Amino acid sequence: MKQKEISQKTRKNIFITLFLLPTMICFCVFYLYPILTVFLSSFQKWDYTNLNQPEFYSPGHLLDNYNYIFTQYPYFSEALRNSCIWALCGLVIQVPIAVLVALALSKHQRGWKIARNVYIIPSIISSAAMGLIFLQLYNPKYGVINQIIRLFNPDFAENILIMPKVNFIALTCAYIFFAGTIMIMILGQISAIPTEIYEAAVLDRAIGWRRDIYITLPLIKDTLKTVSILAATSGFLLYNEVFFLTNGAAGTRSISFIIRELAVVSPRAQYARANAVGTIQIIGGALIILAINFIFRERKEKGGNA
C-alpha cells in the first residue's frame, strides 16, 4: 500500500516537473541568463576598445564602473531621482485614479461600457504614438497647451518641454493619467465579488462610499498590491516618453535613458558601465516590489489586530 502511494506521489512529481520544465527553461534562457550577464559584466572592462573580449577588472578595481557611475557620470543622480519620483507618481497618482474609475464603472450606470472602452483606448496605442501626440499638444506654435496658456499670458511663446521643472511635469502628465490596463484588472476583480456580500452589506447600511471603503477595497487588496507594483515599476523604468518628448533634455533623464546613452548613443560604447546602471535599476525595482509588499502586509496585520 505504501509503495503504491509512493509511486503515485512520484508520478505526480514527475508530471509537475515536466509541466513546469518548458517555463523554467524559457525563464533561464530569456531572463535569468541576461540578468546574470548584466550583473557579472558590470564588474568588467567592456567598451569600444575591447568589444569582443570583455575582461574582469583586478580585485582592487572590481567596483570601478560603479565608482564612475556614482561619482563621475554627470547625469546619474538626476536620472535616479527622476525615476524614483515617477515610481512614486505611479503609486500615489496612477493607481488611485484607476481605482476611482473602476469603482465608478462598477456601478454599471448608463453608458458605463462606452466610458470603459474610451478610457482604455490610450492603453492600446503604442507609447511611441502617444509620445508623438503629446509632442503636438505641447508644440509652442500651435499646440493646445500653449494656446490655453496664452489666454492668461498672451506673450507666452516658450516650449514647455525644454523649460526646467515645468517640462518634468509636462512629461509626467503624458502618461500618468492613462491607467486603462490596471483599471481593467481592478474592475475585473470587483466584478468577481459575489453579489451576496453586497446584499448582506445593505442590511448593515453599508451603501455608497461606505460599501466601497469597507467592502470592495478590502476584498480586492491583493489586486491593488499587484497593480501598485506594476504602476511603480513602470514609472521607475520609464523610457519611451522621455525619448520621444524631451530626449532627456533639461533635467528629464531617466535610468533607462542613460543606459541607452552609455551603450548606444555614446561614440565610445560603454557596455559595462551601462550594465552597472542596469544592475542598479534591477536592484531598485526589487526594492520597490519589497516595499509595496511590506506596505500591504502591514495593512493586513493592522486590520487583523483591529
Protein backbone atom coordinates (compact mmCIF):
# COMPACT_ATOMS: atom_id res chain seq x y z
CA MET A 1 0.00 0.00 0.00
CA LYS A 2 2.80 2.38 0.95
CA GLN A 3 4.69 1.52 -2.22
CA LYS A 4 1.58 2.35 -4.24
CA GLU A 5 1.22 5.74 -2.51
CA ILE A 6 4.92 6.48 -3.09
CA SER A 7 4.56 5.50 -6.74
CA GLN A 8 1.55 7.81 -7.19
CA LYS A 9 3.41 10.65 -5.48
CA THR A 10 6.45 10.06 -7.70
CA ARG A 11 4.34 10.12 -10.87
CA LYS A 12 2.65 13.29 -9.69
CA ASN A 13 6.01 14.98 -9.05
CA ILE A 14 7.30 13.88 -12.45
CA PHE A 15 4.18 15.26 -14.13
CA ILE A 16 4.50 18.60 -12.34
CA THR A 17 8.21 18.80 -13.20
CA LEU A 18 7.61 18.07 -16.90
CA PHE A 19 4.71 20.55 -16.94
CA LEU A 20 6.89 23.32 -15.49
CA LEU A 21 10.05 22.42 -17.42
CA PRO A 22 9.35 24.49 -20.60
CA THR A 23 8.57 27.54 -18.50
CA MET A 24 11.69 27.09 -16.38
CA ILE A 25 13.84 26.66 -19.49
CA CYS A 26 12.41 29.84 -21.03
CA PHE A 27 12.93 31.70 -17.75
CA CYS A 28 16.57 30.64 -17.52
CA VAL A 29 17.32 31.41 -21.17
CA PHE A 30 15.45 34.69 -21.59
CA TYR A 31 15.52 36.16 -18.06
CA LEU A 32 17.98 34.55 -15.66
CA TYR A 33 20.90 34.36 -18.10
CA PRO A 34 20.59 38.01 -19.25
CA ILE A 35 20.27 39.20 -15.63
CA LEU A 36 23.39 37.28 -14.62
CA THR A 37 25.20 38.63 -17.68
CA VAL A 38 24.26 42.20 -16.79
CA PHE A 39 25.41 41.69 -13.20
CA LEU A 40 28.72 39.97 -13.99
CA SER A 41 29.67 42.29 -16.85
CA SER A 42 29.22 45.30 -14.55
CA PHE A 43 32.50 44.24 -12.93
CA GLN A 44 34.33 44.09 -16.26
CA LYS A 45 36.11 46.39 -18.64
CA TRP A 46 33.88 46.25 -21.68
CA ASP A 47 33.75 49.20 -24.04
CA TYR A 48 34.68 50.27 -27.57
CA THR A 49 38.29 49.20 -27.03
CA ASN A 50 37.50 45.53 -26.39
CA LEU A 51 34.04 44.89 -27.80
CA ASN A 52 34.62 41.17 -28.37
CA GLN A 53 36.88 40.47 -25.40
CA PRO A 54 35.43 41.82 -22.14
CA GLU A 55 37.64 41.12 -19.15
CA PHE A 56 37.19 41.38 -15.39
CA TYR A 57 38.95 44.12 -13.52
CA SER A 58 41.56 43.14 -10.96
CA PRO A 59 40.21 42.51 -7.43
CA GLY A 60 41.13 46.01 -6.30
CA HIS A 61 39.22 47.63 -9.16
CA LEU A 62 36.08 45.49 -9.41
CA LEU A 63 33.87 48.45 -8.46
CA ASP A 64 35.41 50.90 -10.92
CA ASN A 65 32.28 51.02 -13.09
CA TYR A 66 30.07 51.74 -10.09
CA ASN A 67 32.54 54.34 -8.84
CA TYR A 68 32.37 56.05 -12.22
CA ILE A 69 28.57 56.00 -12.29
CA PHE A 70 28.15 57.37 -8.77
CA THR A 71 30.96 59.90 -8.69
CA GLN A 72 31.86 60.91 -12.26
CA TYR A 73 28.92 60.35 -14.60
CA PRO A 74 27.12 63.71 -14.56
CA TYR A 75 23.50 62.58 -15.03
CA PHE A 76 23.10 59.54 -12.80
CA SER A 77 21.80 61.32 -9.69
CA GLU A 78 19.33 63.27 -11.83
CA ALA A 79 18.13 60.09 -13.55
CA LEU A 80 17.82 58.16 -10.29
CA ARG A 81 15.85 60.98 -8.68
CA ASN A 82 13.51 61.27 -11.67
CA SER A 83 12.92 57.52 -11.88
CA CYS A 84 12.11 57.34 -8.17
CA ILE A 85 9.67 60.26 -8.48
CA TRP A 86 7.95 58.61 -11.44
CA ALA A 87 7.69 55.36 -9.47
CA LEU A 88 6.09 57.27 -6.60
CA CYS A 89 3.73 59.05 -9.00
CA GLY A 90 2.60 55.70 -10.34
CA LEU A 91 1.82 54.58 -6.82
CA VAL A 92 0.08 57.69 -5.46
CA ILE A 93 -1.49 59.13 -8.64
CA GLN A 94 -1.97 56.48 -11.30
CA VAL A 95 -3.26 53.69 -9.05
CA PRO A 96 -5.80 55.89 -7.16
CA ILE A 97 -7.11 57.23 -10.49
CA ALA A 98 -7.52 53.68 -11.80
CA VAL A 99 -9.27 52.63 -8.59
CA LEU A 100 -11.70 55.56 -8.72
CA VAL A 101 -12.52 54.93 -12.38
CA ALA A 102 -13.00 51.20 -11.74
CA LEU A 103 -15.28 51.89 -8.76
CA ALA A 104 -17.33 54.34 -10.83
CA LEU A 105 -17.68 51.88 -13.72
CA SER A 106 -18.55 49.03 -11.37
CA LYS A 107 -21.83 50.82 -10.55
CA HIS A 108 -22.94 49.99 -14.12
CA GLN A 109 -24.55 53.33 -14.67
CA ARG A 110 -25.92 54.16 -18.10
CA GLY A 111 -23.12 54.36 -20.68
CA TRP A 112 -20.53 52.66 -18.46
CA LYS A 113 -19.39 50.28 -21.23
CA ILE A 114 -18.75 53.19 -23.60
CA ALA A 115 -16.84 55.04 -20.86
CA ARG A 116 -14.79 51.90 -20.16
CA ASN A 117 -13.85 51.47 -23.82
CA VAL A 118 -12.98 55.15 -24.24
CA TYR A 119 -10.78 55.12 -21.13
CA ILE A 120 -8.82 52.09 -22.30
CA ILE A 121 -8.09 53.43 -25.81
CA PRO A 122 -4.75 55.08 -24.85
CA SER A 123 -3.60 51.73 -23.45
CA ILE A 124 -3.91 50.05 -26.85
CA ILE A 125 -1.96 52.80 -28.59
CA SER A 126 1.81 52.43 -28.56
CA SER A 127 3.73 54.71 -26.25
CA ALA A 128 5.62 56.00 -29.30
CA ALA A 129 2.36 57.15 -30.90
CA MET A 130 1.19 58.69 -27.62
CA GLY A 131 4.50 60.50 -27.34
CA LEU A 132 4.05 61.99 -30.82
CA ILE A 133 0.50 63.04 -29.94
CA PHE A 134 1.67 64.87 -26.83
CA LEU A 135 4.54 66.34 -28.81
CA GLN A 136 1.92 68.08 -30.91
CA LEU A 137 -0.12 69.09 -27.88
CA TYR A 138 2.96 70.78 -26.40
CA ASN A 139 4.04 72.38 -29.68
CA PRO A 140 5.00 76.00 -28.88
CA LYS A 141 3.38 77.44 -32.03
CA TYR A 142 0.07 75.64 -32.48
CA GLY A 143 -0.17 73.20 -29.57
CA VAL A 144 -3.34 73.21 -27.47
CA ILE A 145 -1.47 73.67 -24.19
CA ASN A 146 0.28 76.85 -25.30
CA GLN A 147 -2.98 78.17 -26.71
CA ILE A 148 -4.60 77.74 -23.29
CA ILE A 149 -1.66 79.42 -21.56
CA ARG A 150 -1.94 82.37 -23.94
CA LEU A 151 -5.46 83.01 -22.70
CA PHE A 152 -3.84 84.14 -19.44
CA ASN A 153 -0.46 85.23 -20.79
CA PRO A 154 -0.75 86.50 -24.42
CA ASP A 155 3.03 86.87 -24.81
CA PHE A 156 3.85 83.28 -23.84
CA ALA A 157 5.86 81.61 -26.61
CA GLU A 158 8.06 79.15 -24.72
CA ASN A 159 8.40 75.46 -25.41
CA ILE A 160 7.41 73.90 -22.10
CA LEU A 161 9.27 70.70 -22.99
CA ILE A 162 12.60 72.48 -22.60
CA MET A 163 11.67 74.59 -19.58
CA PRO A 164 13.38 73.10 -16.47
CA LYS A 165 10.99 71.68 -13.85
CA VAL A 166 7.94 72.56 -15.96
CA ASN A 167 8.97 70.01 -18.59
CA PHE A 168 9.17 67.32 -15.91
CA ILE A 169 5.51 67.93 -15.02
CA ALA A 170 4.52 68.02 -18.71
CA LEU A 171 6.31 64.74 -19.38
CA THR A 172 4.70 63.11 -16.35
CA CYS A 173 1.23 64.20 -17.49
CA ALA A 174 1.83 62.45 -20.81
CA TYR A 175 1.44 59.03 -19.22
CA ILE A 176 0.36 59.20 -15.59
CA PHE A 177 -3.38 59.64 -16.21
CA PHE A 178 -3.64 56.72 -18.63
CA ALA A 179 -4.23 53.67 -16.47
CA GLY A 180 -6.56 51.64 -18.65
CA THR A 181 -4.79 48.32 -18.18
CA ILE A 182 -4.68 48.39 -14.40
CA MET A 183 -8.21 49.82 -14.31
CA ILE A 184 -9.45 46.77 -16.23
CA MET A 185 -7.65 44.48 -13.78
CA ILE A 186 -9.30 46.20 -10.82
CA LEU A 187 -12.71 46.29 -12.49
CA GLY A 188 -12.49 42.59 -13.27
CA GLN A 189 -11.72 41.80 -9.65
CA ILE A 190 -14.59 43.97 -8.43
CA SER A 191 -16.95 42.16 -10.83
CA ALA A 192 -15.87 38.84 -9.32
CA ILE A 193 -17.08 39.81 -5.83
CA PRO A 194 -20.25 37.78 -5.06
CA THR A 195 -23.42 39.87 -5.01
CA GLU A 196 -24.46 38.14 -1.79
CA ILE A 197 -21.75 40.06 0.05
CA TYR A 198 -23.17 43.37 -1.11
CA GLU A 199 -26.70 42.26 -0.26
CA ALA A 200 -25.56 41.43 3.26
CA ALA A 201 -23.77 44.77 3.48
CA VAL A 202 -27.01 46.62 2.70
CA LEU A 203 -28.53 45.15 5.85
CA ASP A 204 -25.69 46.78 7.79
CA ARG A 205 -26.30 50.06 5.96
CA ALA A 206 -23.02 49.80 4.08
CA ILE A 207 -24.07 51.62 0.93
CA GLY A 208 -22.49 54.22 -1.36
CA TRP A 209 -18.94 55.14 -0.43
CA ARG A 210 -19.14 53.07 2.75
CA ARG A 211 -19.60 49.94 0.64
CA ASP A 212 -16.55 50.82 -1.45
CA ILE A 213 -14.32 51.53 1.55
CA TYR A 214 -15.38 48.75 3.89
CA ILE A 215 -16.38 46.00 1.45
CA THR A 216 -14.95 46.42 -2.05
CA LEU A 217 -11.43 47.71 -1.38
CA PRO A 218 -10.56 45.17 1.36
CA LEU A 219 -11.74 42.33 -0.89
CA ILE A 220 -9.51 43.40 -3.80
CA LYS A 221 -6.41 44.25 -1.76
CA ASP A 222 -4.32 41.56 -3.48
CA THR A 223 -5.16 43.03 -6.88
CA LEU A 224 -4.37 46.51 -5.55
CA LYS A 225 -0.96 45.25 -4.48
CA THR A 226 -0.34 43.78 -7.93
CA VAL A 227 -1.33 46.91 -9.84
CA SER A 228 0.67 49.07 -7.41
CA ILE A 229 3.77 47.05 -8.25
CA LEU A 230 3.05 47.33 -11.97
CA ALA A 231 2.49 51.10 -11.82
CA ALA A 232 5.51 51.83 -9.62
CA THR A 233 7.93 49.69 -11.61
CA SER A 234 6.63 51.11 -14.90
CA GLY A 235 7.38 54.60 -13.63
CA PHE A 236 10.81 53.52 -12.45
CA LEU A 237 11.59 52.03 -15.88
CA LEU A 238 10.16 54.97 -17.85
CA TYR A 239 11.94 55.47 -21.18
CA ASN A 240 9.72 55.91 -24.25
CA GLU A 241 8.03 59.10 -23.08
CA VAL A 242 11.40 60.61 -22.15
CA PHE A 243 12.87 59.74 -25.52
CA PHE A 244 10.00 60.97 -27.68
CA LEU A 245 9.09 64.13 -25.76
CA THR A 246 12.31 65.62 -24.40
CA ASN A 247 15.16 63.27 -25.36
CA GLY A 248 16.37 63.71 -21.79
CA ALA A 249 16.77 67.50 -22.07
CA ALA A 250 16.70 69.94 -19.16
CA GLY A 251 16.61 67.50 -16.28
CA THR A 252 14.28 64.80 -17.61
CA ARG A 253 16.62 61.85 -17.97
CA SER A 254 15.64 58.50 -16.52
CA ILE A 255 17.74 55.49 -15.59
CA SER A 256 16.59 53.65 -18.71
CA PHE A 257 17.55 56.66 -20.81
CA ILE A 258 21.12 56.87 -19.51
CA ILE A 259 21.58 53.12 -20.11
CA ARG A 260 20.85 53.86 -23.76
CA GLU A 261 23.18 56.86 -23.71
CA LEU A 262 26.07 54.80 -22.37
CA ALA A 263 25.58 51.71 -24.50
CA VAL A 264 24.18 53.07 -27.77
CA VAL A 265 24.42 56.85 -28.19
CA SER A 266 27.93 57.36 -26.89
CA PRO A 267 30.57 57.11 -29.65
CA ARG A 268 32.67 55.27 -27.07
CA ALA A 269 30.28 52.42 -26.33
CA GLN A 270 30.46 51.68 -22.61
CA TYR A 271 28.60 48.42 -22.20
CA ALA A 272 29.97 47.51 -18.78
CA ARG A 273 29.09 50.89 -17.30
CA ALA A 274 25.64 50.68 -18.87
CA ASN A 275 25.21 47.27 -17.26
CA ALA A 276 26.30 48.72 -13.93
CA VAL A 277 23.40 51.15 -14.23
CA GLY A 278 21.21 48.23 -15.30
CA THR A 279 22.18 46.33 -12.17
CA ILE A 280 21.26 49.34 -10.05
CA GLN A 281 17.94 49.51 -11.89
CA ILE A 282 17.22 45.84 -11.21
CA ILE A 283 18.02 46.29 -7.53
CA GLY A 284 15.85 49.41 -7.41
CA GLY A 285 12.93 47.55 -8.97
CA ALA A 286 13.33 44.70 -6.49
CA LEU A 287 13.34 47.18 -3.59
CA ILE A 288 10.13 48.76 -4.92
CA ILE A 289 8.46 45.35 -5.01
CA LEU A 290 9.63 44.53 -1.48
CA ALA A 291 8.47 47.92 -0.19
CA ILE A 292 4.98 47.55 -1.66
CA ASN A 293 4.69 44.02 -0.32
CA PHE A 294 5.74 45.32 3.09
CA ILE A 295 3.18 48.13 2.97
CA PHE A 296 0.33 45.79 2.14
CA ARG A 297 1.48 43.26 4.72
CA GLU A 298 1.48 45.95 7.38
CA ARG A 299 -2.03 46.98 6.41
CA LYS A 300 -3.20 43.40 6.67
CA GLU A 301 -1.65 42.94 10.12
CA LYS A 302 -3.15 46.17 11.39
CA GLY A 303 -6.54 45.11 10.10
CA GLY A 304 -6.17 41.77 11.83
CA ASN A 305 -5.14 43.38 15.11
CA ALA A 306 -8.12 45.68 14.93
